[in-house]
Amino acid sequence: MSAHVVVTGASRGIGRALAMLFAERGNPLVLTARSQKELESLAGEIEGKFGRKSVIVTADLGDPAGA
């Protein structure tokens, strides 16, 4: 079994690109960012393209109380 990959900032930019790359490689994903809606959209896209479900964690990791 592959280790889970935690992708922070997964809703946009480099984080989103990394999430897609790891999904394509078959890694189970834990996606985190501040935007629930954008994470849900990304998770749906990953499931549609690669048949893999992702765990979503909505959090502001820049805030000490956010994790």
Protein backbone atom coordinates (compact mmCIF):
# COMPACT_ATOMS: atom_id res chain seq x y z
CA MET A 1 0.00 0.00 0.00
CA SER A 2 1.27 3.47 -0.87
CA ALA A 3 1.76 6.02 1.88
CA HIS A 4 -0.72 8.88 1.94
CA VAL A 5 0.56 12.13 0.53
CA VAL A 6 -0.53 15.30 2.36
CA VAL A 7 -0.75 18.24 -0.03
CA THR A 8 -1.07 21.66 1.62
CA GLY A 9 -2.36 24.59 -0.37
CA ALA A 10 -3.98 22.04 -2.66
CA SER A 11 -6.73 24.31 -3.96
CA ARG A 12 -4.50 26.38 -6.25
CA GLY A 13 -1.13 26.82 -7.90
CA ILE A 14 1.76 24.51 -7.04
CA GLY A 15 -0.26 22.62 -4.42
CA ARG A 16 -2.95 21.81 -6.97
CA ALA A 17 -0.37 20.74 -9.54
CA LEU A 18 1.32 18.48 -6.99
CA ALA A 19 -2.01 16.94 -6.01
CA MET A 20 -2.71 16.08 -9.65
CA LEU A 21 0.79 14.63 -10.10
CA PHE A 22 0.56 12.41 -7.02
CA ALA A 23 -2.98 11.32 -7.97
CA GLU A 24 -1.76 10.35 -11.43
CA ARG A 25 0.96 8.25 -9.79
CA GLY A 26 -1.66 6.44 -7.71
CA ASN A 27 -0.88 7.87 -4.29
CA PRO A 28 -3.75 8.19 -1.78
CA LEU A 29 -4.18 11.90 -1.03
CA VAL A 30 -5.03 14.13 1.90
CA LEU A 31 -5.79 17.58 0.47
CA THR A 32 -5.77 20.66 2.67
CA ALA A 33 -6.44 24.35 2.03
CA ARG A 34 -8.69 27.12 3.30
CA SER A 35 -11.34 26.79 0.59
CA GLN A 36 -13.73 23.87 1.10
CA LYS A 37 -15.42 24.51 -2.25
CA GLU A 38 -12.15 24.48 -4.21
CA LEU A 39 -10.96 21.34 -2.41
CA GLU A 40 -14.23 19.57 -3.22
CA SER A 41 -13.86 20.58 -6.86
CA LEU A 42 -10.28 19.29 -7.00
CA ALA A 43 -11.22 16.03 -5.27
CA GLY A 44 -14.02 15.53 -7.80
CA GLU A 45 -11.65 16.18 -10.68
CA ILE A 46 -9.11 13.70 -9.27
CA GLU A 47 -11.78 11.07 -8.78
CA GLY A 48 -13.08 11.61 -12.31
CA LYS A 49 -9.67 11.45 -13.98
CA PHE A 50 -7.91 8.86 -11.85
CA GLY A 51 -10.66 7.00 -9.99
CA ARG A 52 -9.15 7.90 -6.64
CA LYS A 53 -10.97 9.41 -3.68
CA SER A 54 -9.18 12.06 -1.63
CA VAL A 55 -9.51 13.02 2.01
CA ILE A 56 -10.30 16.75 2.37
CA VAL A 57 -9.21 18.81 5.38
CA THR A 58 -10.28 22.45 5.33
CA ALA A 59 -7.86 24.43 7.48
CA ASP A 60 -5.80 27.62 7.54
CA LEU A 61 -2.38 26.19 8.36
CA GLY A 62 -0.92 29.72 8.53
CA ASP A 63 -2.95 30.29 11.70
CA PRO A 64 -1.59 28.52 14.81
CA ALA A 65 -5.17 27.70 15.81
CA GLY A 66 -6.05 26.61 12.27
CA ALA A 67 -4.62 23.12 12.37
